[in-house]
Structures are given as structure tokens and as C-alpha cells.
Amino acid sequence: MLLKVAFQSTMELDMFIGQLQKFGKTSTQIVFSTHVGPRGVNVDEI
């Protein structure tokens, strides 16, 4: 199962993960920046 969540602080995230762990093992990935869209590079020309 994959969940995407957002919290105001890492402490809130930690509490949420603690609640989930009673159901099984968890793995967490944190994204600190936003997605960068396409930059117009044509891979066929490379």
C-alpha cells in the first residue's frame, strides 16, 4: 500500500507513522523539494 501524506512538522509525521506501525512494517520517504517539469530536452537528438 502506498500513502501520500503531508504534515506541518516531522513530529506530526512521526506520530502518524507510529500509529501505522501496529499494522505492520513501514517505510518512509520524504521529499524536500517540488517536481521539476520537462525542460524541452529531446532525447532523440542526444
PDB file of N, CA and C in Angstrom:
ATOM      1  N   MET A   1       0.849  -1.160   0.000  1.00  0.00           N
ATOM      2  CA  MET A   1       0.000   0.000   0.000  1.00  0.00           C
ATOM      3  C   MET A   1       0.897   1.225   0.000  1.00  0.00           C
ATOM      4  N   LEU A   2       0.523   2.211  -0.753  1.00  0.00           N
ATOM      5  CA  LEU A   2       1.255   3.467  -0.835  1.00  0.00           C
ATOM      6  C   LEU A   2       0.349   4.581  -0.354  1.00  0.00           C
ATOM      7  N   LEU A   3       0.850   5.367   0.582  1.00  0.00           N
ATOM      8  CA  LEU A   3       0.106   6.526   1.077  1.00  0.00           C
ATOM      9  C   LEU A   3       0.918   7.775   0.823  1.00  0.00           C
ATOM     10  N   LYS A   4       0.268   8.819   0.386  1.00  0.00           N
ATOM     11  CA  LYS A   4       0.905  10.115   0.243  1.00  0.00           C
ATOM     12  C   LYS A   4       0.257  11.031   1.276  1.00  0.00           C
ATOM     13  N   VAL A   5       1.064  11.544   2.184  1.00  0.00           N
ATOM     14  CA  VAL A   5       0.547  12.390   3.255  1.00  0.00           C
ATOM     15  C   VAL A   5       1.380  13.660   3.363  1.00  0.00           C
ATOM     16  N   ALA A   6       0.826  14.669   3.981  1.00  0.00           N
ATOM     17  CA  ALA A   6       1.539  15.920   4.242  1.00  0.00           C
ATOM     18  C   ALA A   6       1.219  16.363   5.662  1.00  0.00           C
ATOM     19  N   PHE A   7       2.250  16.787   6.390  1.00  0.00           N
ATOM     20  CA  PHE A   7       2.082  17.249   7.766  1.00  0.00           C
ATOM     21  C   PHE A   7       2.812  18.569   7.960  1.00  0.00           C
ATOM     22  N   GLN A   8       2.398  19.319   8.937  1.00  0.00           N
ATOM     23  CA  GLN A   8       3.029  20.595   9.256  1.00  0.00           C
ATOM     24  C   GLN A   8       4.446  20.422   9.808  1.00  0.00           C
ATOM     25  N   SER A   9       4.700  19.283  10.477  1.00  0.00           N
ATOM     26  CA  SER A   9       6.011  19.083  11.096  1.00  0.00           C
ATOM     27  C   SER A   9       6.409  17.615  11.032  1.00  0.00           C
ATOM     28  N   THR A  10       7.685  17.363  11.199  1.00  0.00           N
ATOM     29  CA  THR A  10       8.163  15.981  11.229  1.00  0.00           C
ATOM     30  C   THR A  10       7.668  15.268  12.487  1.00  0.00           C
ATOM     31  N   MET A  11       7.386  16.008  13.551  1.00  0.00           N
ATOM     32  CA  MET A  11       6.847  15.389  14.763  1.00  0.00           C
ATOM     33  C   MET A  11       5.462  14.797  14.486  1.00  0.00           C
ATOM     34  N   GLU A  12       4.640  15.519  13.740  1.00  0.00           N
ATOM     35  CA  GLU A  12       3.318  15.006  13.380  1.00  0.00           C
ATOM     36  C   GLU A  12       3.434  13.776  12.487  1.00  0.00           C
ATOM     37  N   LEU A  13       4.377  13.803  11.543  1.00  0.00           N
ATOM     38  CA  LEU A  13       4.622  12.649  10.684  1.00  0.00           C
ATOM     39  C   LEU A  13       5.056  11.454  11.517  1.00  0.00           C
ATOM     40  N   ASP A  14       5.934  11.681  12.472  1.00  0.00           N
ATOM     41  CA  ASP A  14       6.418  10.604  13.342  1.00  0.00           C
ATOM     42  C   ASP A  14       5.276   9.974  14.137  1.00  0.00           C
ATOM     43  N   MET A  15       4.368  10.785  14.637  1.00  0.00           N
ATOM     44  CA  MET A  15       3.229  10.255  15.390  1.00  0.00           C
ATOM     45  C   MET A  15       2.319   9.429  14.480  1.00  0.00           C
ATOM     46  N   PHE A  16       2.102   9.893  13.259  1.00  0.00           N
ATOM     47  CA  PHE A  16       1.279   9.163  12.295  1.00  0.00           C
ATOM     48  C   PHE A  16       1.901   7.807  11.967  1.00  0.00           C
ATOM     49  N   ILE A  17       3.203   7.794  11.712  1.00  0.00           N
ATOM     50  CA  ILE A  17       3.904   6.543  11.404  1.00  0.00           C
ATOM     51  C   ILE A  17       3.824   5.591  12.585  1.00  0.00           C
ATOM     52  N   GLY A  18       3.944   6.115  13.792  1.00  0.00           N
ATOM     53  CA  GLY A  18       3.817   5.283  14.992  1.00  0.00           C
ATOM     54  C   GLY A  18       2.462   4.590  15.063  1.00  0.00           C
ATOM     55  N   GLN A  19       1.417   5.290  14.669  1.00  0.00           N
ATOM     56  CA  GLN A  19       0.077   4.699  14.661  1.00  0.00           C
ATOM     57  C   GLN A  19      -0.047   3.620  13.588  1.00  0.00           C
ATOM     58  N   LEU A  20       0.615   3.806  12.454  1.00  0.00           N
ATOM     59  CA  LEU A  20       0.554   2.821  11.370  1.00  0.00           C
ATOM     60  C   LEU A  20       1.319   1.546  11.704  1.00  0.00           C
ATOM     61  N   GLN A  21       2.368   1.651  12.488  1.00  0.00           N
ATOM     62  CA  GLN A  21       3.240   0.513  12.728  1.00  0.00           C
ATOM     63  C   GLN A  21       2.568  -0.636  13.458  1.00  0.00           C
ATOM     64  N   LYS A  22       1.434  -0.399  14.081  1.00  0.00           N
ATOM     65  CA  LYS A  22       0.722  -1.506  14.716  1.00  0.00           C
ATOM     66  C   LYS A  22       0.124  -2.456  13.677  1.00  0.00           C
ATOM     67  N   PHE A  23       0.036  -1.987  12.409  1.00  0.00           N
ATOM     68  CA  PHE A  23      -0.497  -2.821  11.333  1.00  0.00           C
ATOM     69  C   PHE A  23       0.595  -3.552  10.556  1.00  0.00           C
ATOM     70  N   GLY A  24       1.863  -3.185  10.773  1.00  0.00           N
ATOM     71  CA  GLY A  24       2.964  -3.836  10.070  1.00  0.00           C
ATOM     72  C   GLY A  24       4.129  -2.888   9.873  1.00  0.00           C
ATOM     73  N   LYS A  25       5.116  -3.373   9.130  1.00  0.00           N
ATOM     74  CA  LYS A  25       6.334  -2.620   8.881  1.00  0.00           C
ATOM     75  C   LYS A  25       6.044  -1.425   7.969  1.00  0.00           C
ATOM     76  N   THR A  26       6.691  -0.303   8.234  1.00  0.00           N
ATOM     77  CA  THR A  26       6.530   0.886   7.405  1.00  0.00           C
ATOM     78  C   THR A  26       7.871   1.304   6.808  1.00  0.00           C
ATOM     79  N   SER A  27       7.793   2.010   5.717  1.00  0.00           N
ATOM     80  CA  SER A  27       8.956   2.605   5.072  1.00  0.00           C
ATOM     81  C   SER A  27       8.569   4.025   4.700  1.00  0.00           C
ATOM     82  N   THR A  28       9.431   4.991   4.985  1.00  0.00           N
ATOM     83  CA  THR A  28       9.093   6.391   4.781  1.00  0.00           C
ATOM     84  C   THR A  28      10.097   7.047   3.843  1.00  0.00           C
ATOM     85  N   GLN A  29       9.593   7.826   2.903  1.00  0.00           N
ATOM     86  CA  GLN A  29      10.429   8.655   2.042  1.00  0.00           C
ATOM     87  C   GLN A  29       9.921  10.081   2.144  1.00  0.00           C
ATOM     88  N   ILE A  30      10.840  11.008   2.340  1.00  0.00           N
ATOM     89  CA  ILE A  30      10.474  12.411   2.490  1.00  0.00           C
ATOM     90  C   ILE A  30      11.005  13.184   1.282  1.00  0.00           C
ATOM     91  N   VAL A  31      10.141  13.973   0.665  1.00  0.00           N
ATOM     92  CA  VAL A  31      10.539  14.827  -0.453  1.00  0.00           C
ATOM     93  C   VAL A  31      10.656  16.252   0.072  1.00  0.00           C
ATOM     94  N   PHE A  32      11.844  16.836  -0.099  1.00  0.00           N
ATOM     95  CA  PHE A  32      12.091  18.185   0.402  1.00  0.00           C
ATOM     96  C   PHE A  32      11.970  19.263  -0.669  1.00  0.00           C
ATOM     97  N   SER A  33      11.717  18.877  -1.909  1.00  0.00           N
ATOM     98  CA  SER A  33      11.583  19.859  -2.970  1.00  0.00           C
ATOM     99  C   SER A  33      10.419  19.482  -3.875  1.00  0.00           C
ATOM    100  N   THR A  34      10.098  20.350  -4.775  1.00  0.00           N
ATOM    101  CA  THR A  34       8.983  20.101  -5.677  1.00  0.00           C
ATOM    102  C   THR A  34       9.475  19.512  -6.991  1.00  0.00           C
ATOM    103  N   HIS A  35       8.564  18.941  -7.737  1.00  0.00           N
ATOM    104  CA  HIS A  35       8.848  18.325  -9.026  1.00  0.00           C
ATOM    105  C   HIS A  35       9.292  19.379 -10.044  1.00  0.00           C
ATOM    106  N   VAL A  36      10.284  19.024 -10.832  1.00  0.00           N
ATOM    107  CA  VAL A  36      10.717  19.883 -11.929  1.00  0.00           C
ATOM    108  C   VAL A  36      10.129  19.325 -13.212  1.00  0.00           C
ATOM    109  N   GLY A  37       9.386  20.136 -13.910  1.00  0.00           N
ATOM    110  CA  GLY A  37       8.732  19.701 -15.142  1.00  0.00           C
ATOM    111  C   GLY A  37       9.707  19.527 -16.291  1.00  0.00           C
ATOM    112  N   PRO A  38       9.192  19.099 -17.434  1.00  0.00           N
ATOM    113  CA  PRO A  38      10.036  18.909 -18.614  1.00  0.00           C
ATOM    114  C   PRO A  38      10.780  20.186 -18.982  1.00  0.00           C
ATOM    115  N   ARG A  39      12.029  20.032 -19.432  1.00  0.00           N
ATOM    116  CA  ARG A  39      12.845  21.197 -19.770  1.00  0.00           C
ATOM    117  C   ARG A  39      13.117  21.313 -21.269  1.00  0.00           C
ATOM    118  N   GLY A  40      12.366  20.590 -22.082  1.00  0.00           N
ATOM    119  CA  GLY A  40      12.500  20.720 -23.512  1.00  0.00           C
ATOM    120  C   GLY A  40      13.694  20.008 -24.107  1.00  0.00           C
ATOM    121  N   VAL A  41      14.254  19.023 -23.437  1.00  0.00           N
ATOM    122  CA  VAL A  41      15.378  18.270 -23.952  1.00  0.00           C
ATOM    123  C   VAL A  41      14.824  17.082 -24.758  1.00  0.00           C
ATOM    124  N   ASN A  42      15.202  17.002 -26.019  1.00  0.00           N
ATOM    125  CA  ASN A  42      14.749  15.922 -26.883  1.00  0.00           C
ATOM    126  C   ASN A  42      15.776  14.800 -26.821  1.00  0.00           C
ATOM    127  N   VAL A  43      15.419  13.676 -26.222  1.00  0.00           N
ATOM    128  CA  VAL A  43      16.363  12.570 -26.052  1.00  0.00           C
ATOM    129  C   VAL A  43      16.734  11.909 -27.355  1.00  0.00           C
ATOM    130  N   ASP A  44      15.929  12.076 -28.398  1.00  0.00           N
ATOM    131  CA  ASP A  44      16.249  11.503 -29.709  1.00  0.00           C
ATOM    132  C   ASP A  44      17.451  12.198 -30.350  1.00  0.00           C
ATOM    133  N   GLU A  45      17.702  13.440 -29.968  1.00  0.00           N
ATOM    134  CA  GLU A  45      18.818  14.204 -30.539  1.00  0.00           C
ATOM    135  C   GLU A  45      20.136  13.956 -29.811  1.00  0.00           C
ATOM    136  N   ILE A  46      20.074  13.340 -28.658  1.00  0.00           N
ATOM    137  CA  ILE A  46      21.277  13.121 -27.844  1.00  0.00           C
ATOM    138  C   ILE A  46      22.024  11.908 -28.312  1.00  0.00           C
TER     139      ILE A  46
END
